[in-house]
């Protein structure tokens, strides 16, 4: 971990990163989950959590932006291939909406 790294990074596990995922887990478990103090980033560095962001507009590390772009495209492709399945409460429209959001995030990280 470098104290002189001025860049804002993205966590390696982009879909599990950020307060939204922690809030979901907290609501399922009924207990608050603290943010980690140090995380591994998309570029492979370990940095303080405060030097990361799930928002594409804030990420300044090019390697992390590329990593996040690839991850969002990969997840969108997986959702698209999955499609609606029998006995699932998720509709084809909801899957299409999720795919569109994932592709939008990928696009925002590539710009």
PDB file of N, CA and C in Angstrom:
ATOM      1  N   UNK A   1       0.849  -1.164   0.000  1.00  0.00           N
ATOM      2  CA  UNK A   1       0.000   0.000   0.000  1.00  0.00           C
ATOM      3  C   UNK A   1       0.896   1.229   0.000  1.00  0.00           C
ATOM      4  N   UNK A   2       0.681   2.134  -0.918  1.00  0.00           N
ATOM      5  CA  UNK A   2       1.503   3.324  -1.041  1.00  0.00           C
ATOM      6  C   UNK A   2       0.753   4.538  -0.511  1.00  0.00           C
ATOM      7  N   UNK A   3       1.355   5.240   0.414  1.00  0.00           N
ATOM      8  CA  UNK A   3       0.729   6.435   0.978  1.00  0.00           C
ATOM      9  C   UNK A   3       0.763   7.595  -0.008  1.00  0.00           C
ATOM     10  N   UNK A   4       1.581   7.504  -1.059  1.00  0.00           N
ATOM     11  CA  UNK A   4       1.698   8.605  -2.010  1.00  0.00           C
ATOM     12  C   UNK A   4       0.849   8.402  -3.262  1.00  0.00           C
ATOM     13  N   UNK A   5       0.107   7.323  -3.345  1.00  0.00           N
ATOM     14  CA  UNK A   5      -0.756   7.063  -4.502  1.00  0.00           C
ATOM     15  C   UNK A   5      -1.925   8.036  -4.472  1.00  0.00           C
ATOM     16  N   UNK A   6      -1.992   8.950  -5.455  1.00  0.00           N
ATOM     17  CA  UNK A   6      -3.057   9.952  -5.433  1.00  0.00           C
ATOM     18  C   UNK A   6      -4.365   9.490  -6.070  1.00  0.00           C
ATOM     19  N   UNK A   7      -4.387   8.289  -6.638  1.00  0.00           N
ATOM     20  CA  UNK A   7      -5.536   7.845  -7.415  1.00  0.00           C
ATOM     21  C   UNK A   7      -6.675   7.314  -6.550  1.00  0.00           C
ATOM     22  N   UNK A   8      -7.870   7.447  -7.107  1.00  0.00           N
ATOM     23  CA  UNK A   8      -9.053   6.819  -6.529  1.00  0.00           C
ATOM     24  C   UNK A   8      -9.266   5.541  -7.317  1.00  0.00           C
ATOM     25  N   UNK A   9      -9.420   4.435  -6.609  1.00  0.00           N
ATOM     26  CA  UNK A   9      -9.494   3.110  -7.212  1.00  0.00           C
ATOM     27  C   UNK A   9     -10.908   2.550  -7.107  1.00  0.00           C
ATOM     28  N   UNK A  10     -11.079   1.346  -7.644  1.00  0.00           N
ATOM     29  CA  UNK A  10     -12.322   0.607  -7.501  1.00  0.00           C
ATOM     30  C   UNK A  10     -11.971  -0.742  -6.875  1.00  0.00           C
ATOM     31  N   UNK A  11     -12.853  -1.233  -5.995  1.00  0.00           N
ATOM     32  CA  UNK A  11     -12.600  -2.539  -5.385  1.00  0.00           C
ATOM     33  C   UNK A  11     -12.615  -3.629  -6.442  1.00  0.00           C
ATOM     34  N   UNK A  12     -11.816  -4.667  -6.222  1.00  0.00           N
ATOM     35  CA  UNK A  12     -11.714  -5.771  -7.183  1.00  0.00           C
ATOM     36  C   UNK A  12     -13.079  -6.402  -7.450  1.00  0.00           C
ATOM     37  N   UNK A  13     -13.856  -6.646  -6.399  1.00  0.00           N
ATOM     38  CA  UNK A  13     -15.188  -7.261  -6.547  1.00  0.00           C
ATOM     39  C   UNK A  13     -16.201  -6.137  -6.672  1.00  0.00           C
ATOM     40  N   UNK A  14     -16.329  -5.576  -7.878  1.00  0.00           N
ATOM     41  CA  UNK A  14     -17.099  -4.353  -8.073  1.00  0.00           C
ATOM     42  C   UNK A  14     -18.566  -4.467  -7.695  1.00  0.00           C
ATOM     43  N   UNK A  15     -19.198  -5.596  -7.948  1.00  0.00           N
ATOM     44  CA  UNK A  15     -20.619  -5.711  -7.614  1.00  0.00           C
ATOM     45  C   UNK A  15     -20.854  -5.922  -6.127  1.00  0.00           C
ATOM     46  N   UNK A  16     -19.834  -6.353  -5.416  1.00  0.00           N
ATOM     47  CA  UNK A  16     -19.963  -6.558  -3.976  1.00  0.00           C
ATOM     48  C   UNK A  16     -19.472  -5.346  -3.199  1.00  0.00           C
ATOM     49  N   UNK A  17     -18.971  -4.343  -3.910  1.00  0.00           N
ATOM     50  CA  UNK A  17     -18.372  -3.181  -3.268  1.00  0.00           C
ATOM     51  C   UNK A  17     -19.419  -2.131  -2.935  1.00  0.00           C
ATOM     52  N   UNK A  18     -19.056  -1.276  -2.017  1.00  0.00           N
ATOM     53  CA  UNK A  18     -19.870  -0.111  -1.730  1.00  0.00           C
ATOM     54  C   UNK A  18     -20.944  -0.335  -0.694  1.00  0.00           C
ATOM     55  N   UNK A  19     -21.566   0.762  -0.315  1.00  0.00           N
ATOM     56  CA  UNK A  19     -22.555   0.707   0.758  1.00  0.00           C
ATOM     57  C   UNK A  19     -23.833  -0.048   0.395  1.00  0.00           C
ATOM     58  N   UNK A  20     -24.199  -0.084  -0.868  1.00  0.00           N
ATOM     59  CA  UNK A  20     -25.432  -0.777  -1.258  1.00  0.00           C
ATOM     60  C   UNK A  20     -25.349  -2.260  -0.924  1.00  0.00           C
ATOM     61  N   UNK A  21     -24.240  -2.892  -1.271  1.00  0.00           N
ATOM     62  CA  UNK A  21     -24.067  -4.320  -0.977  1.00  0.00           C
ATOM     63  C   UNK A  21     -24.014  -4.553   0.534  1.00  0.00           C
ATOM     64  N   UNK A  22     -23.284  -3.696   1.253  1.00  0.00           N
ATOM     65  CA  UNK A  22     -23.219  -3.850   2.713  1.00  0.00           C
ATOM     66  C   UNK A  22     -24.598  -3.663   3.347  1.00  0.00           C
ATOM     67  N   UNK A  23     -25.381  -2.684   2.858  1.00  0.00           N
ATOM     68  CA  UNK A  23     -26.724  -2.470   3.401  1.00  0.00           C
ATOM     69  C   UNK A  23     -27.621  -3.679   3.151  1.00  0.00           C
ATOM     70  N   UNK A  24     -27.499  -4.291   1.973  1.00  0.00           N
ATOM     71  CA  UNK A  24     -28.289  -5.486   1.666  1.00  0.00           C
ATOM     72  C   UNK A  24     -27.934  -6.620   2.620  1.00  0.00           C
ATOM     73  N   UNK A  25     -26.653  -6.845   2.816  1.00  0.00           N
ATOM     74  CA  UNK A  25     -26.208  -7.910   3.728  1.00  0.00           C
ATOM     75  C   UNK A  25     -26.669  -7.599   5.149  1.00  0.00           C
ATOM     76  N   UNK A  26     -26.542  -6.340   5.553  1.00  0.00           N
ATOM     77  CA  UNK A  26     -26.969  -5.949   6.896  1.00  0.00           C
ATOM     78  C   UNK A  26     -28.456  -6.195   7.105  1.00  0.00           C
ATOM     79  N   UNK A  27     -29.262  -5.875   6.091  1.00  0.00           N
ATOM     80  CA  UNK A  27     -30.701  -6.080   6.238  1.00  0.00           C
ATOM     81  C   UNK A  27     -31.052  -7.562   6.297  1.00  0.00           C
ATOM     82  N   UNK A  28     -30.288  -8.395   5.589  1.00  0.00           N
ATOM     83  CA  UNK A  28     -30.548  -9.834   5.621  1.00  0.00           C
ATOM     84  C   UNK A  28     -30.124 -10.443   6.948  1.00  0.00           C
ATOM     85  N   UNK A  29     -29.007  -9.971   7.509  1.00  0.00           N
ATOM     86  CA  UNK A  29     -28.479 -10.540   8.749  1.00  0.00           C
ATOM     87  C   UNK A  29     -29.022  -9.860   9.996  1.00  0.00           C
ATOM     88  N   UNK A  30     -29.551  -8.652   9.823  1.00  0.00           N
ATOM     89  CA  UNK A  30     -30.056  -7.922  10.966  1.00  0.00           C
ATOM     90  C   UNK A  30     -28.973  -7.286  11.812  1.00  0.00           C
ATOM     91  N   UNK A  31     -27.785  -7.131  11.256  1.00  0.00           N
ATOM     92  CA  UNK A  31     -26.694  -6.475  11.970  1.00  0.00           C
ATOM     93  C   UNK A  31     -25.873  -5.661  10.984  1.00  0.00           C
ATOM     94  N   UNK A  32     -25.315  -4.592  11.481  1.00  0.00           N
ATOM     95  CA  UNK A  32     -24.522  -3.695  10.641  1.00  0.00           C
ATOM     96  C   UNK A  32     -23.167  -4.320  10.336  1.00  0.00           C
ATOM     97  N   UNK A  33     -22.711  -4.094   9.112  1.00  0.00           N
ATOM     98  CA  UNK A  33     -21.398  -4.582   8.698  1.00  0.00           C
ATOM     99  C   UNK A  33     -20.514  -3.375   8.456  1.00  0.00           C
ATOM    100  N   UNK A  34     -19.357  -3.346   9.076  1.00  0.00           N
ATOM    101  CA  UNK A  34     -18.431  -2.234   8.903  1.00  0.00           C
ATOM    102  C   UNK A  34     -17.732  -2.318   7.557  1.00  0.00           C
ATOM    103  N   UNK A  35     -17.399  -1.154   7.028  1.00  0.00           N
ATOM    104  CA  UNK A  35     -16.585  -1.096   5.814  1.00  0.00           C
ATOM    105  C   UNK A  35     -15.171  -1.561   6.176  1.00  0.00           C
ATOM    106  N   UNK A  36     -14.508  -2.270   5.273  1.00  0.00           N
ATOM    107  CA  UNK A  36     -13.140  -2.699   5.563  1.00  0.00           C
ATOM    108  C   UNK A  36     -12.204  -1.487   5.588  1.00  0.00           C
ATOM    109  N   UNK A  37     -11.099  -1.593   6.292  1.00  0.00           N
ATOM    110  CA  UNK A  37     -10.160  -0.469   6.335  1.00  0.00           C
ATOM    111  C   UNK A  37      -9.244  -0.471   5.113  1.00  0.00           C
ATOM    112  N   UNK A  38      -8.900  -1.661   4.615  1.00  0.00           N
ATOM    113  CA  UNK A  38      -8.039  -1.794   3.436  1.00  0.00           C
ATOM    114  C   UNK A  38      -8.701  -2.791   2.493  1.00  0.00           C
ATOM    115  N   UNK A  39      -8.663  -2.484   1.182  1.00  0.00           N
ATOM    116  CA  UNK A  39      -9.263  -3.366   0.185  1.00  0.00           C
ATOM    117  C   UNK A  39      -8.284  -3.608  -0.955  1.00  0.00           C
ATOM    118  N   UNK A  40      -8.489  -4.717  -1.659  1.00  0.00           N
ATOM    119  CA  UNK A  40      -7.735  -4.994  -2.876  1.00  0.00           C
ATOM    120  C   UNK A  40      -8.504  -4.374  -4.032  1.00  0.00           C
ATOM    121  N   UNK A  41      -7.774  -3.712  -4.905  1.00  0.00           N
ATOM    122  CA  UNK A  41      -8.397  -2.961  -5.996  1.00  0.00           C
ATOM    123  C   UNK A  41      -8.348  -3.731  -7.308  1.00  0.00           C
ATOM    124  N   UNK A  42      -9.033  -3.189  -8.295  1.00  0.00           N
ATOM    125  CA  UNK A  42      -9.045  -3.788  -9.628  1.00  0.00           C
ATOM    126  C   UNK A  42      -7.678  -3.829 -10.272  1.00  0.00           C
ATOM    127  N   UNK A  43      -6.790  -2.916  -9.874  1.00  0.00           N
ATOM    128  CA  UNK A  43      -5.434  -2.903 -10.440  1.00  0.00           C
ATOM    129  C   UNK A  43      -4.472  -3.760  -9.621  1.00  0.00           C
ATOM    130  N   UNK A  44      -4.982  -4.371  -8.524  1.00  0.00           N
ATOM    131  CA  UNK A  44      -4.169  -5.286  -7.731  1.00  0.00           C
ATOM    132  C   UNK A  44      -3.514  -4.672  -6.511  1.00  0.00           C
ATOM    133  N   UNK A  45      -3.632  -3.362  -6.312  1.00  0.00           N
ATOM    134  CA  UNK A  45      -3.054  -2.741  -5.126  1.00  0.00           C
ATOM    135  C   UNK A  45      -3.950  -2.947  -3.921  1.00  0.00           C
ATOM    136  N   UNK A  46      -3.369  -2.832  -2.753  1.00  0.00           N
ATOM    137  CA  UNK A  46      -4.155  -2.782  -1.529  1.00  0.00           C
ATOM    138  C   UNK A  46      -4.101  -1.333  -1.067  1.00  0.00           C
ATOM    139  N   UNK A  47      -5.269  -0.729  -0.936  1.00  0.00           N
ATOM    140  CA  UNK A  47      -5.346   0.686  -0.573  1.00  0.00           C
ATOM    141  C   UNK A  47      -6.376   0.866   0.536  1.00  0.00           C
ATOM    142  N   UNK A  48      -6.312   2.008   1.240  1.00  0.00           N
ATOM    143  CA  UNK A  48      -7.356   2.289   2.223  1.00  0.00           C
ATOM    144  C   UNK A  48      -8.719   2.357   1.526  1.00  0.00           C
ATOM    145  N   UNK A  49      -9.739   1.845   2.192  1.00  0.00           N
ATOM    146  CA  UNK A  49     -11.094   1.859   1.639  1.00  0.00           C
ATOM    147  C   UNK A  49     -11.493   3.277   1.219  1.00  0.00           C
ATOM    148  N   UNK A  50     -11.036   4.268   1.968  1.00  0.00           N
ATOM    149  CA  UNK A  50     -11.375   5.663   1.664  1.00  0.00           C
ATOM    150  C   UNK A  50     -10.834   6.119   0.313  1.00  0.00           C
ATOM    151  N   UNK A  51      -9.895   5.382  -0.257  1.00  0.00           N
ATOM    152  CA  UNK A  51      -9.328   5.736  -1.562  1.00  0.00           C
ATOM    153  C   UNK A  51      -9.988   4.956  -2.693  1.00  0.00           C
ATOM    154  N   UNK A  52     -11.196   4.443  -2.453  1.00  0.00           N
ATOM    155  CA  UNK A  52     -11.946   3.726  -3.487  1.00  0.00           C
ATOM    156  C   UNK A  52     -13.316   4.383  -3.663  1.00  0.00           C
ATOM    157  N   UNK A  53     -13.923   4.097  -4.805  1.00  0.00           N
ATOM    158  CA  UNK A  53     -15.263   4.599  -5.060  1.00  0.00           C
ATOM    159  C   UNK A  53     -15.975   3.654  -6.020  1.00  0.00           C
ATOM    160  N   UNK A  54     -17.277   3.422  -5.808  1.00  0.00           N
ATOM    161  CA  UNK A  54     -18.050   2.631  -6.771  1.00  0.00           C
ATOM    162  C   UNK A  54     -18.578   3.511  -7.919  1.00  0.00           C
ATOM    163  N   UNK A  55     -18.378   4.838  -7.818  1.00  0.00           N
ATOM    164  CA  UNK A  55     -18.878   5.777  -8.821  1.00  0.00           C
ATOM    165  C   UNK A  55     -17.832   5.978  -9.920  1.00  0.00           C
ATOM    166  N   UNK A  56     -18.175   5.666 -11.161  1.00  0.00           N
ATOM    167  CA  UNK A  56     -17.206   5.789 -12.257  1.00  0.00           C
ATOM    168  C   UNK A  56     -16.587   7.179 -12.374  1.00  0.00           C
ATOM    169  N   UNK A  57     -17.372   8.204 -12.092  1.00  0.00           N
ATOM    170  CA  UNK A  57     -16.887   9.576 -12.226  1.00  0.00           C
ATOM    171  C   UNK A  57     -15.779   9.906 -11.240  1.00  0.00           C
ATOM    172  N   UNK A  58     -15.675   9.142 -10.171  1.00  0.00           N
ATOM    173  CA  UNK A  58     -14.672   9.409  -9.135  1.00  0.00           C
ATOM    174  C   UNK A  58     -13.394   8.598  -9.307  1.00  0.00           C
ATOM    175  N   UNK A  59     -13.444   7.501 -10.054  1.00  0.00           N
ATOM    176  CA  UNK A  59     -12.283   6.598 -10.177  1.00  0.00           C
ATOM    177  C   UNK A  59     -11.271   7.195 -11.156  1.00  0.00           C
ATOM    178  N   UNK A  60     -10.052   7.425 -10.662  1.00  0.00           N
ATOM    179  CA  UNK A  60      -9.006   8.038 -11.491  1.00  0.00           C
ATOM    180  C   UNK A  60      -7.930   7.051 -11.931  1.00  0.00           C
ATOM    181  N   UNK A  61      -7.908   5.857 -11.376  1.00  0.00           N
ATOM    182  CA  UNK A  61      -6.925   4.833 -11.771  1.00  0.00           C
ATOM    183  C   UNK A  61      -7.410   4.173 -13.058  1.00  0.00           C
ATOM    184  N   UNK A  62      -6.637   4.304 -14.124  1.00  0.00           N
ATOM    185  CA  UNK A  62      -7.037   3.766 -15.426  1.00  0.00           C
ATOM    186  C   UNK A  62      -7.194   2.243 -15.391  1.00  0.00           C
ATOM    187  N   UNK A  63      -6.263   1.558 -14.738  1.00  0.00           N
ATOM    188  CA  UNK A  63      -6.349   0.086 -14.665  1.00  0.00           C
ATOM    189  C   UNK A  63      -7.611  -0.347 -13.913  1.00  0.00           C
ATOM    190  N   UNK A  64      -7.982   0.383 -12.879  1.00  0.00           N
ATOM    191  CA  UNK A  64      -9.214   0.058 -12.135  1.00  0.00           C
ATOM    192  C   UNK A  64     -10.447   0.325 -12.981  1.00  0.00           C
ATOM    193  N   UNK A  65     -10.436   1.406 -13.747  1.00  0.00           N
ATOM    194  CA  UNK A  65     -11.570   1.707 -14.629  1.00  0.00           C
ATOM    195  C   UNK A  65     -11.746   0.588 -15.653  1.00  0.00           C
ATOM    196  N   UNK A  66     -10.630   0.121 -16.233  1.00  0.00           N
ATOM    197  CA  UNK A  66     -10.688  -0.967 -17.215  1.00  0.00           C
ATOM    198  C   UNK A  66     -11.202  -2.252 -16.564  1.00  0.00           C
ATOM    199  N   UNK A  67     -10.740  -2.529 -15.358  1.00  0.00           N
ATOM    200  CA  UNK A  67     -11.189  -3.718 -14.626  1.00  0.00           C
ATOM    201  C   UNK A  67     -12.700  -3.645 -14.392  1.00  0.00           C
ATOM    202  N   UNK A  68     -13.183  -2.512 -13.889  1.00  0.00           N
ATOM    203  CA  UNK A  68     -14.608  -2.364 -13.613  1.00  0.00           C
ATOM    204  C   UNK A  68     -15.428  -2.497 -14.896  1.00  0.00           C
ATOM    205  N   UNK A  69     -14.938  -1.921 -15.980  1.00  0.00           N
ATOM    206  CA  UNK A  69     -15.634  -2.040 -17.270  1.00  0.00           C
ATOM    207  C   UNK A  69     -15.793  -3.507 -17.657  1.00  0.00           C
ATOM    208  N   UNK A  70     -14.699  -4.262 -17.590  1.00  0.00           N
ATOM    209  CA  UNK A  70     -14.741  -5.697 -17.944  1.00  0.00           C
ATOM    210  C   UNK A  70     -15.697  -6.463 -17.038  1.00  0.00           C
ATOM    211  N   UNK A  71     -15.665  -6.175 -15.737  1.00  0.00           N
ATOM    212  CA  UNK A  71     -16.521  -6.890 -14.788  1.00  0.00           C
ATOM    213  C   UNK A  71     -17.995  -6.607 -15.045  1.00  0.00           C
ATOM    214  N   UNK A  72     -18.346  -5.369 -15.279  1.00  0.00           N
ATOM    215  CA  UNK A  72     -19.752  -5.041 -15.534  1.00  0.00           C
ATOM    216  C   UNK A  72     -20.231  -5.666 -16.841  1.00  0.00           C
ATOM    217  N   UNK A  73     -19.384  -5.677 -17.870  1.00  0.00           N
ATOM    218  CA  UNK A  73     -19.757  -6.330 -19.138  1.00  0.00           C
ATOM    219  C   UNK A  73     -19.942  -7.826 -18.908  1.00  0.00           C
ATOM    220  N   UNK A  74     -19.034  -8.426 -18.140  1.00  0.00           N
ATOM    221  CA  UNK A  74     -19.112  -9.867 -17.867  1.00  0.00           C
ATOM    222  C   UNK A  74     -20.406 -10.217 -17.130  1.00  0.00           C
ATOM    223  N   UNK A  75     -20.741  -9.442 -16.100  1.00  0.00           N
ATOM    224  CA  UNK A  75     -21.979  -9.701 -15.355  1.00  0.00           C
ATOM    225  C   UNK A  75     -23.199  -9.479 -16.237  1.00  0.00           C
ATOM    226  N   UNK A  76     -23.191  -8.447 -17.070  1.00  0.00           N
ATOM    227  CA  UNK A  76     -24.319  -8.195 -17.974  1.00  0.00           C
ATOM    228  C   UNK A  76     -24.503  -9.372 -18.928  1.00  0.00           C
ATOM    229  N   UNK A  77     -23.394  -9.883 -19.476  1.00  0.00           N
ATOM    230  CA  UNK A  77     -23.471 -11.038 -20.376  1.00  0.00           C
ATOM    231  C   UNK A  77     -24.047 -12.259 -19.665  1.00  0.00           C
ATOM    232  N   UNK A  78     -23.626 -12.477 -18.413  1.00  0.00           N
ATOM    233  CA  UNK A  78     -24.142 -13.620 -17.646  1.00  0.00           C
ATOM    234  C   UNK A  78     -25.640 -13.492 -17.404  1.00  0.00           C
ATOM    235  N   UNK A  79     -26.093 -12.317 -17.016  1.00  0.00           N
ATOM    236  CA  UNK A  79     -27.522 -12.106 -16.786  1.00  0.00           C
ATOM    237  C   UNK A  79     -28.306 -12.308 -18.070  1.00  0.00           C
ATOM    238  N   UNK A  80     -27.781 -11.796 -19.169  1.00  0.00           N
ATOM    239  CA  UNK A  80     -28.466 -11.902 -20.448  1.00  0.00           C
ATOM    240  C   UNK A  80     -28.613 -13.355 -20.876  1.00  0.00           C
ATOM    241  N   UNK A  81     -27.537 -14.131 -20.708  1.00  0.00           N
ATOM    242  CA  UNK A  81     -27.584 -15.553 -21.067  1.00  0.00           C
ATOM    243  C   UNK A  81     -28.539 -16.320 -20.164  1.00  0.00           C
ATOM    244  N   UNK A  82     -28.580 -15.936 -18.905  1.00  0.00           N
ATOM    245  CA  UNK A  82     -29.423 -16.634 -17.943  1.00  0.00           C
ATOM    246  C   UNK A  82     -30.897 -16.527 -18.343  1.00  0.00           C
ATOM    247  N   UNK A  83     -31.352 -15.325 -18.622  1.00  0.00           N
ATOM    248  CA  UNK A  83     -32.749 -15.138 -19.000  1.00  0.00           C
ATOM    249  C   UNK A  83     -33.700 -15.627 -17.924  1.00  0.00           C
ATOM    250  N   UNK A  84     -34.986 -15.450 -18.141  1.00  0.00           N
ATOM    251  CA  UNK A  84     -35.955 -15.933 -17.150  1.00  0.00           C
ATOM    252  C   UNK A  84     -35.966 -17.455 -17.098  1.00  0.00           C
ATOM    253  N   UNK A  85     -36.073 -17.991 -15.899  1.00  0.00           N
ATOM    254  CA  UNK A  85     -36.091 -19.439 -15.713  1.00  0.00           C
ATOM    255  C   UNK A  85     -37.418 -19.849 -15.085  1.00  0.00           C
ATOM    256  N   UNK A  86     -37.821 -21.075 -15.337  1.00  0.00           N
ATOM    257  CA  UNK A  86     -39.066 -21.548 -14.705  1.00  0.00           C
ATOM    258  C   UNK A  86     -38.965 -21.451 -13.182  1.00  0.00           C
ATOM    259  N   UNK A  87     -40.068 -21.170 -12.552  1.00  0.00           N
ATOM    260  CA  UNK A  87     -40.162 -21.078 -11.093  1.00  0.00           C
ATOM    261  C   UNK A  87     -39.362 -19.918 -10.497  1.00  0.00           C
ATOM    262  N   UNK A  88     -38.971 -18.944 -11.331  1.00  0.00           N
ATOM    263  CA  UNK A  88     -38.295 -17.763 -10.810  1.00  0.00           C
ATOM    264  C   UNK A  88     -39.290 -16.623 -10.724  1.00  0.00           C
ATOM    265  N   UNK A  89     -39.149 -15.810  -9.712  1.00  0.00           N
ATOM    266  CA  UNK A  89     -40.059 -14.678  -9.570  1.00  0.00           C
ATOM    267  C   UNK A  89     -39.555 -13.447 -10.324  1.00  0.00           C
ATOM    268  N   UNK A  90     -38.437 -13.580 -11.015  1.00  0.00           N
ATOM    269  CA  UNK A  90     -37.877 -12.477 -11.798  1.00  0.00           C
ATOM    270  C   UNK A  90     -38.367 -12.611 -13.236  1.00  0.00           C
ATOM    271  N   UNK A  91     -38.895 -11.521 -13.770  1.00  0.00           N
ATOM    272  CA  UNK A  91     -39.433 -11.541 -15.129  1.00  0.00           C
ATOM    273  C   UNK A  91     -38.338 -11.231 -16.150  1.00  0.00           C
ATOM    274  N   UNK A  92     -38.636 -11.512 -17.395  1.00  0.00           N
ATOM    275  CA  UNK A  92     -37.709 -11.179 -18.474  1.00  0.00           C
ATOM    276  C   UNK A  92     -37.444  -9.687 -18.541  1.00  0.00           C
ATOM    277  N   UNK A  93     -38.473  -8.891 -18.261  1.00  0.00           N
ATOM    278  CA  UNK A  93     -38.314  -7.437 -18.253  1.00  0.00           C
ATOM    279  C   UNK A  93     -37.380  -6.969 -17.157  1.00  0.00           C
ATOM    280  N   UNK A  94     -37.457  -7.594 -15.982  1.00  0.00           N
ATOM    281  CA  UNK A  94     -36.563  -7.233 -14.873  1.00  0.00           C
ATOM    282  C   UNK A  94     -35.119  -7.607 -15.193  1.00  0.00           C
ATOM    283  N   UNK A  95     -34.947  -8.753 -15.851  1.00  0.00           N
ATOM    284  CA  UNK A  95     -33.593  -9.151 -16.245  1.00  0.00           C
ATOM    285  C   UNK A  95     -33.051  -8.168 -17.278  1.00  0.00           C
ATOM    286  N   UNK A  96     -33.873  -7.799 -18.251  1.00  0.00           N
ATOM    287  CA  UNK A  96     -33.444  -6.836 -19.269  1.00  0.00           C
ATOM    288  C   UNK A  96     -33.075  -5.496 -18.635  1.00  0.00           C
ATOM    289  N   UNK A  97     -33.835  -5.093 -17.626  1.00  0.00           N
ATOM    290  CA  UNK A  97     -33.544  -3.842 -16.919  1.00  0.00           C
ATOM    291  C   UNK A  97     -32.210  -3.933 -16.178  1.00  0.00           C
ATOM    292  N   UNK A  98     -31.963  -5.066 -15.531  1.00  0.00           N
ATOM    293  CA  UNK A  98     -30.694  -5.260 -14.821  1.00  0.00           C
ATOM    294  C   UNK A  98     -29.530  -5.261 -15.805  1.00  0.00           C
ATOM    295  N   UNK A  99     -29.685  -5.923 -16.937  1.00  0.00           N
ATOM    296  CA  UNK A  99     -28.643  -5.961 -17.966  1.00  0.00           C
ATOM    297  C   UNK A  99     -28.356  -4.551 -18.466  1.00  0.00           C
ATOM    298  N   UNK A 100     -29.410  -3.769 -18.689  1.00  0.00           N
ATOM    299  CA  UNK A 100     -29.230  -2.392 -19.165  1.00  0.00           C
ATOM    300  C   UNK A 100     -28.461  -1.554 -18.142  1.00  0.00           C
ATOM    301  N   UNK A 101     -28.785  -1.723 -16.848  1.00  0.00           N
ATOM    302  CA  UNK A 101     -28.064  -0.973 -15.803  1.00  0.00           C
ATOM    303  C   UNK A 101     -26.597  -1.386 -15.747  1.00  0.00           C
ATOM    304  N   UNK A 102     -26.335  -2.703 -15.853  1.00  0.00           N
ATOM    305  CA  UNK A 102     -24.952  -3.174 -15.834  1.00  0.00           C
ATOM    306  C   UNK A 102     -24.173  -2.651 -17.038  1.00  0.00           C
ATOM    307  N   UNK A 103     -24.776  -2.680 -18.210  1.00  0.00           N
ATOM    308  CA  UNK A 103     -24.105  -2.157 -19.405  1.00  0.00           C
ATOM    309  C   UNK A 103     -23.886  -0.647 -19.319  1.00  0.00           C
ATOM    310  N   UNK A 104     -24.818   0.060 -18.698  1.00  0.00           N
ATOM    311  CA  UNK A 104     -24.641   1.491 -18.507  1.00  0.00           C
ATOM    312  C   UNK A 104     -23.439   1.768 -17.592  1.00  0.00           C
ATOM    313  N   UNK A 105     -23.317   0.992 -16.513  1.00  0.00           N
ATOM    314  CA  UNK A 105     -22.166   1.155 -15.633  1.00  0.00           C
ATOM    315  C   UNK A 105     -20.870   0.842 -16.362  1.00  0.00           C
ATOM    316  N   UNK A 106     -20.870  -0.211 -17.176  1.00  0.00           N
ATOM    317  CA  UNK A 106     -19.674  -0.556 -17.957  1.00  0.00           C
ATOM    318  C   UNK A 106     -19.300   0.617 -18.858  1.00  0.00           C
ATOM    319  N   UNK A 107     -20.274   1.193 -19.507  1.00  0.00           N
ATOM    320  CA  UNK A 107     -20.031   2.322 -20.413  1.00  0.00           C
ATOM    321  C   UNK A 107     -19.466   3.519 -19.645  1.00  0.00           C
ATOM    322  N   UNK A 108     -20.017   3.789 -18.475  1.00  0.00           N
ATOM    323  CA  UNK A 108     -19.530   4.915 -17.667  1.00  0.00           C
ATOM    324  C   UNK A 108     -18.078   4.710 -17.222  1.00  0.00           C
ATOM    325  N   UNK A 109     -17.673   3.461 -16.974  1.00  0.00           N
ATOM    326  CA  UNK A 109     -16.295   3.199 -16.592  1.00  0.00           C
ATOM    327  C   UNK A 109     -15.351   3.271 -17.791  1.00  0.00           C
ATOM    328  N   UNK A 110     -15.863   3.070 -18.998  1.00  0.00           N
ATOM    329  CA  UNK A 110     -14.989   3.088 -20.167  1.00  0.00           C
ATOM    330  C   UNK A 110     -14.752   4.507 -20.684  1.00  0.00           C
ATOM    331  N   UNK A 111     -15.568   5.453 -20.269  1.00  0.00           N
ATOM    332  CA  UNK A 111     -15.491   6.820 -20.798  1.00  0.00           C
ATOM    333  C   UNK A 111     -14.486   7.693 -20.144  1.00  0.00           C
TER     334      UNK A 111
END
